[in-house]
Protein backbone atom coordinates (compact mmCIF):
# COMPACT_ATOMS: atom_id res chain seq x y z
CA MET A 1 -26.35 -16.04 -27.25
CA ALA A 2 -30.44 -15.04 -26.60
CA ASN A 3 -32.01 -13.92 -30.05
CA ASP A 4 -32.21 -10.50 -30.01
CA GLU A 5 -35.01 -10.36 -32.98
CA GLN A 6 -37.76 -12.48 -30.48
CA PRO A 7 -41.03 -11.12 -31.46
CA ALA A 8 -42.73 -9.17 -27.98
CA ASP A 9 -45.76 -10.55 -26.79
CA PRO A 10 -48.65 -8.01 -27.22
CA ARG A 11 -49.88 -9.00 -23.78
CA ARG A 12 -46.64 -8.94 -22.13
CA TYR A 13 -47.68 -6.09 -19.81
CA TRP A 14 -50.97 -7.77 -18.58
CA ILE A 15 -48.67 -10.96 -18.12
CA ALA A 16 -46.32 -8.99 -15.87
CA LEU A 17 -48.57 -7.57 -13.85
CA ALA A 18 -50.39 -11.12 -13.30
CA VAL A 19 -46.72 -12.88 -12.31
CA THR A 20 -45.80 -9.71 -10.20
CA LEU A 21 -48.91 -10.04 -8.11
CA ALA A 22 -47.88 -13.60 -7.43
CA SER A 23 -44.39 -12.83 -6.45
CA LEU A 24 -45.83 -9.70 -4.34
CA VAL A 25 -47.47 -12.08 -2.33
CA GLU A 26 -45.04 -14.72 -1.73
CA GLY A 27 -42.33 -11.89 -1.07
CA LEU A 28 -44.97 -10.48 1.54
CA ASP A 29 -45.11 -13.27 3.07
CA THR A 30 -41.36 -13.96 3.92
CA SER A 31 -41.61 -10.90 6.47
CA VAL A 32 -45.33 -10.36 7.29
CA VAL A 33 -45.01 -12.91 10.59
CA ASN A 34 -42.57 -11.41 12.05
CA VAL A 35 -44.31 -8.51 13.87
CA SER A 36 -47.23 -10.87 14.52
CA VAL A 37 -44.93 -13.24 16.89
CA PRO A 38 -46.23 -12.31 20.17
CA GLN A 39 -49.90 -12.42 19.19
CA MET A 40 -49.33 -15.91 17.75
CA MET A 41 -47.55 -17.09 20.94
CA GLY A 42 -50.14 -16.04 23.22
CA SER A 43 -53.45 -17.27 21.14
CA LEU A 44 -51.16 -20.63 20.43
CA GLY A 45 -50.34 -21.19 24.18
CA VAL A 46 -46.24 -21.68 22.52
CA SER A 47 -42.68 -20.31 23.54
CA LEU A 48 -40.56 -18.08 21.05
CA ASP A 49 -38.52 -21.19 20.08
CA ALA A 50 -41.42 -23.22 19.03
CA ILE A 51 -43.25 -20.20 17.12
CA ALA A 52 -39.72 -19.53 15.09
CA TRP A 53 -40.67 -22.39 13.19
CA VAL A 54 -43.36 -20.71 11.64
CA SER A 55 -40.97 -18.72 9.73
CA THR A 56 -38.38 -21.48 9.58
CA GLY A 57 -40.59 -24.00 8.08
CA TYR A 58 -41.78 -21.69 5.46
CA ILE A 59 -38.01 -20.27 4.29
CA LEU A 60 -36.85 -24.15 4.66
CA SER A 61 -39.13 -25.34 1.90
CA ASN A 62 -38.59 -22.15 0.11
CA VAL A 63 -34.95 -22.74 -0.42
CA ILE A 64 -35.38 -26.59 -1.44
CA ILE A 65 -38.10 -25.75 -3.92
CA ILE A 66 -36.52 -22.86 -5.98
CA PRO A 67 -33.63 -24.80 -7.68
CA LEU A 68 -35.95 -27.40 -8.69
CA THR A 69 -38.42 -25.15 -10.36
CA GLY A 70 -36.88 -25.48 -13.71
CA TRP A 71 -36.92 -28.93 -13.48
CA LEU A 72 -40.81 -29.28 -12.20
CA ALA A 73 -41.59 -26.53 -15.06
CA SER A 74 -40.30 -29.46 -17.81
CA LEU A 75 -41.77 -32.08 -15.92
CA PHE A 76 -45.29 -30.39 -15.35
CA GLY A 77 -45.30 -27.82 -18.33
CA ARG A 78 -44.49 -24.09 -17.12
CA LYS A 79 -48.26 -22.91 -17.26
CA ARG A 80 -49.61 -26.21 -15.20
CA TYR A 81 -46.98 -26.21 -12.79
CA PHE A 82 -47.06 -22.34 -12.10
CA THR A 83 -50.90 -22.30 -11.77
CA GLY A 84 -51.05 -25.60 -9.51
CA SER A 85 -48.30 -23.73 -7.10
CA LEU A 86 -50.41 -20.66 -6.80
CA VAL A 87 -53.78 -22.90 -6.22
CA MET A 88 -51.15 -24.43 -3.34
CA PHE A 89 -50.02 -21.12 -2.01
CA THR A 90 -53.82 -19.69 -1.83
CA ILE A 91 -54.88 -22.93 -0.01
CA ALA A 92 -52.30 -22.80 2.45
CA SER A 93 -52.70 -19.17 3.22
CA PHE A 94 -56.37 -19.93 4.03
CA MET A 95 -55.04 -22.87 6.14
CA CYS A 96 -52.34 -21.01 7.82
CA GLY A 97 -55.12 -18.55 9.11
CA HIS A 98 -57.43 -21.21 10.30
CA ALA A 99 -54.84 -23.21 12.18
CA SER A 100 -55.76 -23.77 15.61
CA THR A 101 -52.42 -25.66 17.00
CA LEU A 102 -48.77 -24.69 16.24
CA GLU A 103 -48.53 -28.25 14.44
CA SER A 104 -50.93 -27.66 11.78
CA LEU A 105 -49.77 -23.38 11.56
CA VAL A 106 -45.99 -24.94 10.50
CA PHE A 107 -47.24 -28.11 8.15
CA TRP A 108 -49.59 -25.31 5.95
CA ARG A 109 -46.60 -22.90 6.46
CA ILE A 110 -44.18 -25.35 4.85
CA VAL A 111 -47.00 -26.35 2.07
CA GLN A 112 -47.04 -22.57 1.49
CA GLY A 113 -43.41 -22.16 0.92
CA ILE A 114 -43.79 -25.15 -1.58
CA GLY A 115 -46.05 -23.39 -3.64
CA GLY A 116 -44.08 -19.83 -2.68
CA GLY A 117 -41.07 -20.91 -4.24
CA ALA A 118 -42.14 -21.62 -7.66
CA LEU A 119 -43.96 -18.16 -7.98
CA VAL A 120 -40.71 -16.47 -8.07
CA ALA A 121 -38.57 -18.33 -9.92
CA THR A 122 -40.84 -19.19 -12.81
CA SER A 123 -42.46 -16.06 -12.68
CA GLN A 124 -38.86 -14.47 -13.84
CA ALA A 125 -38.83 -17.06 -16.33
CA ILE A 126 -41.89 -16.23 -18.07
CA LEU A 127 -40.98 -12.47 -18.26
CA TYR A 128 -37.96 -13.48 -19.68
CA GLU A 129 -39.49 -15.21 -22.71
CA VAL A 130 -43.03 -12.97 -23.17
CA PHE A 131 -40.28 -9.96 -23.23
CA PRO A 132 -37.78 -9.77 -26.08
CA PRO A 133 -34.18 -9.21 -24.78
CA ARG A 134 -34.28 -5.64 -25.42
CA GLU A 135 -36.86 -4.88 -22.87
CA HIS A 136 -35.40 -7.39 -20.24
CA SER A 137 -34.67 -4.30 -17.97
CA ARG A 138 -37.98 -3.08 -18.00
CA ALA A 139 -39.42 -6.70 -17.55
CA MET A 140 -37.25 -6.88 -14.00
CA ALA A 141 -38.19 -3.53 -13.28
CA LEU A 142 -42.08 -4.38 -13.39
CA TRP A 143 -41.14 -7.83 -11.45
CA GLY A 144 -39.17 -6.59 -9.10
CA MET A 145 -41.48 -4.25 -7.72
CA GLY A 146 -43.02 -7.09 -6.60
CA ILE A 147 -40.14 -9.17 -5.49
CA MET A 148 -38.42 -6.30 -3.73
CA VAL A 149 -41.46 -4.24 -2.40
CA GLY A 150 -43.23 -7.62 -0.52
CA PRO A 151 -40.77 -8.24 2.05
CA ALA A 152 -40.35 -4.37 2.61
CA MET A 153 -44.28 -3.80 3.26
CA GLY A 154 -44.29 -6.93 5.35
CA PRO A 155 -43.60 -5.41 8.67
CA VAL A 156 -45.88 -2.38 7.82
CA LEU A 157 -48.83 -4.53 6.72
CA GLY A 158 -48.55 -7.27 9.11
CA GLY A 159 -48.57 -4.57 11.90
CA TYR A 160 -51.62 -3.09 10.96
CA LEU A 161 -53.62 -6.12 10.31
CA THR A 162 -52.38 -7.71 13.61
CA GLU A 163 -53.25 -4.59 15.93
CA ARG A 164 -56.60 -3.78 14.35
CA LEU A 165 -57.78 -7.61 13.59
CA SER A 166 -55.77 -10.38 14.53
CA TRP A 167 -53.03 -12.60 13.33
CA PRO A 168 -54.63 -14.45 11.02
CA TRP A 169 -55.36 -11.85 8.70
CA ILE A 170 -52.04 -11.49 7.62
CA PHE A 171 -52.50 -15.07 5.92
CA TYR A 172 -56.23 -14.30 4.85
CA ILE A 173 -54.63 -11.14 2.95
CA ASN A 174 -53.27 -13.24 0.43
CA ILE A 175 -56.35 -14.89 -0.84
CA PRO A 176 -58.12 -12.14 -3.23
CA ILE A 177 -54.64 -10.89 -4.60
CA CYS A 178 -54.15 -14.64 -5.51
CA ILE A 179 -57.22 -15.29 -6.88
CA LEU A 180 -57.12 -12.42 -9.02
CA ALA A 181 -53.26 -13.27 -10.50
CA LEU A 182 -54.77 -16.86 -10.80
CA VAL A 183 -57.46 -15.67 -13.21
CA MET A 184 -54.98 -13.51 -14.99
CA VAL A 185 -52.64 -16.66 -15.13
CA VAL A 186 -55.01 -19.01 -16.85
CA LEU A 187 -56.10 -16.52 -19.10
CA LEU A 188 -53.12 -15.04 -20.21
CA VAL A 189 -49.90 -17.00 -19.48
CA PRO A 190 -48.50 -18.97 -22.54
CA ASP A 191 -46.98 -22.38 -21.96
CA SER A 192 -43.11 -22.22 -22.62
CA LYS A 193 -41.95 -22.95 -26.10
CA TYR A 194 -38.53 -24.22 -24.91
CA ARG A 195 -39.81 -27.06 -22.90
CA GLU A 196 -37.92 -30.23 -22.85
CA LYS A 197 -39.52 -33.46 -21.68
CA VAL A 198 -37.80 -35.02 -18.56
CA LYS A 199 -36.65 -38.53 -19.70
CA LYS A 200 -35.58 -39.88 -16.18
CA VAL A 201 -36.34 -38.74 -12.71
CA ASP A 202 -33.22 -38.21 -10.59
CA PHE A 203 -34.60 -39.40 -7.35
CA LEU A 204 -31.10 -39.60 -5.64
CA GLY A 205 -30.36 -35.98 -6.52
CA LEU A 206 -33.53 -34.98 -5.22
CA VAL A 207 -32.99 -36.32 -1.99
CA LEU A 208 -29.27 -35.20 -1.88
CA LEU A 209 -30.48 -31.53 -2.59
CA ALA A 210 -33.43 -31.80 -0.17
CA VAL A 211 -31.15 -33.00 3.09
CA GLY A 212 -28.10 -30.59 1.83
CA LEU A 213 -29.99 -27.37 1.81
CA GLY A 214 -32.57 -28.24 4.32
CA ALA A 215 -29.64 -28.86 6.90
CA CYS A 216 -27.77 -25.71 5.61
CA GLN A 217 -30.52 -23.75 6.41
CA MET A 218 -31.30 -25.32 9.77
CA LEU A 219 -27.55 -24.55 10.75
CA LEU A 220 -28.00 -20.81 9.63
CA GLU A 221 -31.44 -20.81 11.23
CA ASP A 222 -30.18 -22.10 14.50
CA GLY A 223 -26.63 -21.35 14.68
CA ASN A 224 -26.28 -18.48 16.81
CA LYS A 225 -28.30 -20.51 19.32
CA ILE A 226 -26.20 -23.56 19.25
CA GLY A 227 -22.82 -22.02 19.07
CA TRP A 228 -21.75 -22.79 15.24
CA PHE A 229 -19.17 -25.54 15.05
CA SER A 230 -18.73 -25.27 18.73
CA SER A 231 -21.63 -27.65 19.65
CA ILE A 232 -21.80 -31.14 18.05
CA SER A 233 -25.31 -30.41 16.84
CA GLY A 234 -23.41 -27.64 14.83
CA LEU A 235 -20.70 -30.06 13.67
CA GLU A 236 -23.49 -32.51 12.38
CA LEU A 237 -25.50 -29.88 10.39
CA GLY A 238 -22.36 -28.63 8.65
CA GLY A 239 -20.85 -32.07 7.86
CA LEU A 240 -24.71 -33.44 6.50
CA THR A 241 -24.48 -30.06 4.18
CA LEU A 242 -20.95 -30.63 2.68
CA PHE A 243 -21.43 -34.30 2.60
CA CYS A 244 -25.05 -34.33 0.91
CA LEU A 245 -24.45 -31.09 -1.20
CA GLY A 246 -21.16 -32.35 -2.44
CA LEU A 247 -22.38 -35.35 -3.48
CA PHE A 248 -25.04 -33.74 -5.05
CA VAL A 249 -22.72 -31.63 -7.32
CA TRP A 250 -20.79 -34.84 -8.51
CA ARG A 251 -24.41 -36.29 -9.67
CA GLU A 252 -25.77 -33.63 -11.19
CA MET A 253 -22.74 -32.94 -13.39
CA THR A 254 -22.43 -36.75 -14.45
CA PHE A 255 -26.06 -37.27 -14.75
CA ASP A 256 -27.51 -37.34 -18.22
CA SER A 257 -30.60 -36.01 -16.67
CA PRO A 258 -29.98 -33.73 -13.88
CA VAL A 259 -32.53 -32.12 -11.80
CA VAL A 260 -30.63 -28.73 -11.76
CA ASP A 261 -28.38 -27.74 -14.53
CA LEU A 262 -25.22 -26.64 -12.64
CA ARG A 263 -23.33 -26.64 -16.32
CA ILE A 264 -24.78 -23.29 -16.50
CA PHE A 265 -22.29 -22.10 -14.01
CA GLY A 266 -19.99 -22.42 -17.15
CA ASN A 267 -21.33 -19.06 -18.38
CA LEU A 268 -19.09 -16.09 -16.55
CA GLN A 269 -21.31 -13.63 -16.82
CA PHE A 270 -24.21 -15.69 -15.39
CA THR A 271 -21.77 -16.81 -12.53
CA ALA A 272 -20.71 -13.11 -11.86
CA CYS A 273 -24.54 -12.14 -11.43
CA CYS A 274 -24.97 -14.89 -9.19
CA LEU A 275 -22.40 -14.06 -6.86
CA PHE A 276 -23.15 -10.60 -6.35
CA THR A 277 -26.77 -11.28 -6.38
CA PHE A 278 -25.65 -13.44 -3.24
CA VAL A 279 -23.70 -10.34 -1.67
CA GLN A 280 -26.62 -8.05 -2.43
CA ALA A 281 -29.31 -10.32 -0.57
CA LEU A 282 -26.73 -11.12 2.44
CA CYS A 283 -26.04 -7.08 2.93
CA THR A 284 -29.84 -6.29 2.36
CA LEU A 285 -31.71 -8.69 4.25
CA ALA A 286 -29.05 -8.07 6.96
CA ILE A 287 -30.02 -4.43 7.12
CA VAL A 288 -33.76 -5.37 6.97
CA PHE A 289 -32.91 -7.93 10.07
CA VAL A 290 -31.20 -5.34 12.38
CA THR A 291 -33.12 -2.27 11.79
CA PRO A 292 -36.42 -3.41 13.32
CA LEU A 293 -34.39 -4.50 16.17
CA LEU A 294 -32.79 -1.00 16.70
CA LEU A 295 -36.23 0.51 16.28
CA LEU A 296 -38.16 -1.99 18.64
CA ASP A 297 -35.28 -2.69 21.30
CA LEU A 298 -33.27 0.45 21.70
CA MET A 299 -35.93 3.08 20.59
CA GLY A 300 -38.62 1.57 22.32
CA TYR A 301 -41.50 1.67 18.82
CA THR A 302 -44.51 -0.34 18.74
CA ALA A 303 -44.61 -2.77 15.66
CA LEU A 304 -46.84 -0.30 13.65
CA GLU A 305 -44.52 2.48 14.20
CA THR A 306 -41.55 0.55 12.94
CA GLY A 307 -43.24 -0.97 10.02
CA MET A 308 -44.27 2.80 9.14
CA ILE A 309 -40.98 4.21 9.63
CA MET A 310 -39.43 1.52 7.36
CA LEU A 311 -42.03 2.57 4.47
CA PRO A 312 -39.79 4.46 2.78
CA VAL A 313 -37.32 1.66 1.83
CA ALA A 314 -40.43 0.30 -0.17
CA VAL A 315 -41.46 3.95 -1.93
CA GLY A 316 -37.92 4.23 -2.83
CA THR A 317 -37.26 1.04 -4.29
CA SER A 318 -41.03 1.10 -6.14
CA LEU A 319 -39.90 4.53 -7.40
CA VAL A 320 -36.54 3.99 -8.67
CA MET A 321 -37.48 0.55 -10.48
CA PHE A 322 -40.19 2.69 -12.38
CA VAL A 323 -37.66 5.27 -13.60
CA VAL A 324 -34.79 2.69 -14.23
CA GLY A 325 -37.52 0.35 -16.16
CA LYS A 326 -38.47 3.50 -18.55
CA ILE A 327 -34.76 4.72 -19.26
CA SER A 328 -32.82 1.33 -19.20
CA HIS A 329 -32.44 1.01 -22.69
CA ARG A 330 -30.80 4.48 -23.05
CA CYS A 331 -28.68 3.79 -19.96
CA ASN A 332 -25.40 1.84 -19.31
CA PRO A 333 -26.63 -1.21 -16.87
CA TYR A 334 -22.89 -0.93 -15.46
CA VAL A 335 -23.15 2.63 -14.24
CA LEU A 336 -26.51 1.88 -12.89
CA ILE A 337 -24.94 -0.85 -10.73
CA PHE A 338 -22.06 1.52 -9.82
CA PHE A 339 -24.25 4.25 -8.44
CA GLY A 340 -26.63 2.04 -7.16
CA VAL A 341 -23.81 0.53 -4.80
CA ALA A 342 -22.62 4.29 -3.85
CA ILE A 343 -26.08 5.45 -2.69
CA PHE A 344 -26.58 1.93 -0.39
CA LEU A 345 -23.05 2.67 0.89
CA TYR A 346 -23.77 6.54 1.62
CA ALA A 347 -26.91 5.30 3.19
CA MET A 348 -25.30 2.71 5.30
CA TRP A 349 -23.15 5.75 6.60
CA ARG A 350 -26.36 7.68 7.18
CA TYR A 351 -27.58 4.90 9.34
CA SER A 352 -24.43 4.74 11.49
CA TYR A 353 -25.67 7.85 13.19
CA PHE A 354 -28.68 6.11 14.28
CA ASP A 355 -28.89 6.12 18.40
CA ALA A 356 -31.49 6.29 21.02
CA LEU A 357 -31.83 9.95 20.63
CA THR A 358 -32.61 9.86 16.81
CA PRO A 359 -35.80 11.50 16.16
CA ASP A 360 -38.25 9.23 13.72
CA THR A 361 -38.38 12.24 11.02
CA ALA A 362 -34.42 11.69 10.69
CA PHE A 363 -34.88 8.20 9.55
CA THR A 364 -36.84 9.10 6.12
CA TRP A 365 -33.81 10.23 3.99
CA PRO A 366 -31.49 7.41 4.83
CA LEU A 367 -34.27 4.71 4.36
CA LEU A 368 -35.46 6.19 1.07
CA LEU A 369 -31.65 6.32 -0.39
CA ARG A 370 -31.66 2.25 0.87
CA GLY A 371 -34.48 1.57 -1.21
CA ILE A 372 -33.05 3.92 -4.17
CA GLY A 373 -29.80 2.35 -3.99
CA LEU A 374 -31.41 -1.43 -4.21
CA GLY A 375 -33.75 -0.75 -6.73
CA MET A 376 -30.75 0.91 -9.40
CA ILE A 377 -29.11 -2.38 -8.66
CA PHE A 378 -31.77 -4.84 -8.95
CA VAL A 379 -33.02 -4.21 -12.30
CA PRO A 380 -30.11 -4.15 -14.56
CA LEU A 381 -28.30 -7.22 -12.31
CA ASN A 382 -31.64 -9.40 -12.95
CA ALA A 383 -31.44 -8.44 -16.93
CA LEU A 384 -27.77 -8.80 -17.25
CA ALA A 385 -27.80 -12.54 -16.04
CA VAL A 386 -29.22 -14.20 -18.59
CA ALA A 387 -28.01 -11.91 -21.30
CA ASP A 388 -25.91 -14.35 -22.47
CA LEU A 389 -27.92 -17.11 -22.23
CA THR A 390 -30.42 -19.19 -24.70
CA PRO A 391 -34.00 -18.65 -23.95
CA ASP A 392 -34.26 -22.62 -23.35
CA LYS A 393 -31.65 -22.26 -20.32
CA HIS A 394 -33.43 -19.11 -18.60
CA ALA A 395 -36.05 -21.24 -16.51
CA SER A 396 -32.80 -23.53 -15.00
CA ALA A 397 -31.44 -19.77 -14.16
CA THR A 398 -33.77 -18.30 -12.82
CA GLY A 399 -34.17 -21.09 -10.40
CA LEU A 400 -30.57 -20.94 -9.38
CA LEU A 401 -30.30 -17.01 -9.20
CA ASN A 402 -33.67 -17.05 -7.00
CA LEU A 403 -31.86 -19.59 -4.70
CA THR A 404 -28.41 -17.56 -4.69
CA ARG A 405 -30.56 -14.60 -3.52
CA GLN A 406 -32.60 -16.91 -0.88
CA PHE A 407 -29.13 -18.16 0.35
CA GLY A 408 -27.56 -15.13 0.79
CA ALA A 409 -30.56 -13.70 2.43
CA SER A 410 -30.18 -16.63 4.96
CA VAL A 411 -26.41 -16.04 5.40
CA GLY A 412 -27.08 -12.43 5.74
CA VAL A 413 -29.54 -12.94 8.79
CA ALA A 414 -27.08 -15.31 10.41
CA VAL A 415 -24.15 -13.36 10.27
CA ALA A 416 -25.91 -9.88 11.36
CA ALA A 417 -27.62 -11.61 14.52
CA ALA A 418 -23.84 -13.12 15.33
CA VAL A 419 -22.28 -10.16 15.01
CA LEU A 420 -24.53 -7.86 16.66
CA SER A 421 -24.62 -10.42 19.66
CA THR A 422 -20.62 -10.70 19.80
CA MET A 423 -20.24 -6.60 19.45
CA GLN A 424 -23.13 -5.78 21.98
CA GLY A 425 -20.77 -8.09 24.12
CA GLN A 426 -17.24 -6.62 23.57
CA PHE A 427 -18.53 -3.21 23.93
CA GLU A 428 -20.48 -3.22 27.28
CA ALA A 429 -17.67 -4.94 28.55
CA VAL A 430 -15.28 -2.03 27.95
CA ILE A 431 -17.77 0.52 28.70
CA VAL A 432 -18.39 -1.55 32.40
CA ASP A 433 -14.28 -2.04 32.69
CA ALA A 434 -13.89 1.84 32.38
CA ALA A 435 -16.44 2.34 35.15
CA SER A 436 -14.98 -0.19 37.41
CA SER A 437 -11.74 1.30 37.16
CA GLY A 438 -12.48 4.49 37.97
CA SER A 439 -12.70 6.71 34.44
CA PRO A 440 -12.79 10.50 35.70
CA GLU A 441 -15.92 11.01 33.30
CA LEU A 442 -17.75 7.84 34.11
CA THR A 443 -16.81 8.87 38.10
CA TYR A 444 -18.29 12.29 37.68
CA ILE A 445 -21.27 11.47 35.87
CA GLY A 446 -21.85 8.82 38.81
CA GLN A 447 -21.38 11.45 41.00
CA GLN A 448 -23.82 13.82 39.68
CA VAL A 449 -26.16 11.31 39.54
CA MET A 450 -25.63 10.55 43.33
CA ASP A 451 -26.29 14.23 44.06
CA THR A 452 -29.37 14.33 41.83
CA LEU A 453 -31.16 11.40 43.68
CA HIS A 454 -29.90 12.85 47.16
CA ARG A 455 -31.80 16.23 46.68
CA GLU A 456 -34.93 13.61 45.67
CA GLY A 457 -34.58 12.69 49.21
CA ILE A 458 -33.40 9.15 48.06
CA ASN A 459 -30.53 7.72 50.90
CA ASP A 460 -27.26 6.21 50.06
CA PRO A 461 -28.25 2.88 49.85
CA THR A 462 -31.09 3.01 47.64
CA ALA A 463 -29.39 5.87 45.46
CA HIS A 464 -26.28 3.86 44.80
CA TYR A 465 -28.43 1.20 43.84
CA ILE A 466 -30.63 3.10 41.32
CA ALA A 467 -27.26 4.85 40.01
CA THR A 468 -25.65 1.39 39.49
CA GLU A 469 -28.68 0.24 37.67
CA LEU A 470 -28.62 3.65 35.26
CA LEU A 471 -25.03 2.95 34.40
CA GLN A 472 -25.86 -0.75 33.53
CA GLN A 473 -28.85 0.51 31.31
CA THR A 474 -26.98 3.12 29.80
CA SER A 475 -23.52 0.73 28.94
CA HIS A 476 -26.26 -1.48 27.37
CA GLN A 477 -27.85 1.56 25.37
CA ILE A 478 -24.40 3.02 24.41
CA ALA A 479 -22.76 -0.61 23.68
CA THR A 480 -25.77 -1.60 21.63
CA SER A 481 -25.78 1.66 19.56
CA ILE A 482 -22.12 1.13 18.81
CA ALA A 483 -22.80 -2.40 17.88
CA PHE A 484 -25.19 -0.97 15.09
CA ASP A 485 -22.93 1.52 13.81
CA ARG A 486 -20.23 -1.17 13.28
CA ILE A 487 -22.92 -3.48 11.54
CA PHE A 488 -24.19 -0.56 8.93
CA THR A 489 -20.70 0.01 7.96
CA ILE A 490 -19.60 -3.45 7.61
CA PHE A 491 -22.01 -3.97 5.41
CA GLY A 492 -22.28 -1.19 3.40
CA LEU A 493 -18.91 -1.84 2.65
CA ALA A 494 -19.45 -5.30 1.76
CA LEU A 495 -21.06 -4.52 -1.12
CA VAL A 496 -18.40 -2.39 -2.40
CA PHE A 497 -16.05 -5.05 -2.31
CA ALA A 498 -18.55 -7.29 -4.80
CA LEU A 499 -18.32 -4.26 -7.59
CA PRO A 500 -15.34 -6.20 -9.13
CA LEU A 501 -17.75 -8.81 -10.26
CA VAL A 502 -19.45 -6.41 -12.94
CA THR A 503 -15.94 -6.70 -15.00
CA PHE A 504 -17.28 -10.01 -15.73
CA MET A 505 -20.66 -9.02 -16.98
CA ARG A 506 -20.11 -7.95 -20.41
CA LYS A 507 -23.06 -8.76 -22.53
CA ASN A 508 -25.54 -5.47 -22.39
CA PRO A 509 -29.34 -7.00 -22.28
CA ASP A 510 -30.54 -4.23 -24.05
CA ARG A 511 -28.26 -3.53 -26.99
CA SER A 512 -27.45 -5.93 -29.71
CA ALA A 513 -23.90 -5.42 -29.08
CA PRO A 514 -21.48 -5.81 -25.35
CA VAL A 515 -20.84 -2.07 -24.22
CA ALA A 516 -17.58 -0.81 -24.45
CA SER A 517 -17.17 0.51 -21.05
CA ALA A 518 -17.67 -2.82 -19.25
CA HIS A 519 -13.98 -3.58 -19.81
């Protein structure tokens, strides 16, 4: 068990600010690119498929490096590794903004992802060590503001900078924040007291992990486009993923100096928290992915307007994390998670009523509720994850916890894209079939449209063509609206089905004994 008498570092809140700033810019760069894609395509003269590698390269390198952060911190020393990663991220941000070709931009985005992967997992490990166990929830509330608010603010900041300046500024904006964080880290952050020297370097394990996770991430990124396992490429990527990751697990469980300590999964509480984190990230990123599509494609908002409409999510998450961090030592964490899931489900129910006629003012309350629900879940869940682990396991644990979060996010986006595409096609086919089979309601509406066009002086052939086009547009709009409705409902319920995992989370991080109500 972690020692509850661990002394508190008097500089811990300044340290929290330093590492949260680093996590903020890393989270920001996962989503800030999306709204700048059209301008980047025009500036670099490339296609949409090619520019997608600007995001894919970043996420790919991020996913590969995150589980290695504990081992790399032991190899180089945690402070040296964190500082070096922050320097790498800063330089790569400048070079991304300065890139004049797609190849150089993708290269520096990969470098940026390698540096950024360490910023999240290592900063979390730092906070677990400098804050005593009774304050872990408070530490996670502070850190969570960066990790959750960064991606939520990405579309807003990206839309503003792209519209008012140009796309390179979405990368340049990182530099002053990174420099401030770097100065604070150098001056304040201590090295780990629990570092264990790396005795051997498991090169085979490193290669298996990199290839396996890389293949898996590419399958998730391109699966919907290549037809998943109905294509040769999908089968090859799936087979490579299973082979490499299966061999990697065997290697790490039998090697005496593994690059990733998979034995931590033997702790039931940590494993339950990882599984819940996976489902939460899956649901969260699926909704983050489809909501801008709803606003941009179905409702016709601009990128900046879309970002501003989504701003309440960041506001709600920030406010509730601040409050939960203040009251966490007096609250049952399991109750907070339960109410967070309930609020998220209610927000998704409100989301399901969004359609093309929804006024922009109607989005504020459901989006605010979504942010509140996520904040209530995030803080206690991350504190519970390490509550039953000794401090020397925190670095490895945070790497695995953040890998499950990143992997869940990738799965969520892939599933949402596949479900949206499938449901749109199915519902549109049903509506068109009803129209072609002589549905009385649709026949009446069609006749009304024809009569209106005749009164405008439009002759029959042209009127029939216009009416048919309107029917197709309306069918697509209705089918898309129904598909979004189903998606919001599905992912809202998915988080509810993960609630039984809470019964395996028995050790309360903010008290010296387990909470009775957890059983």
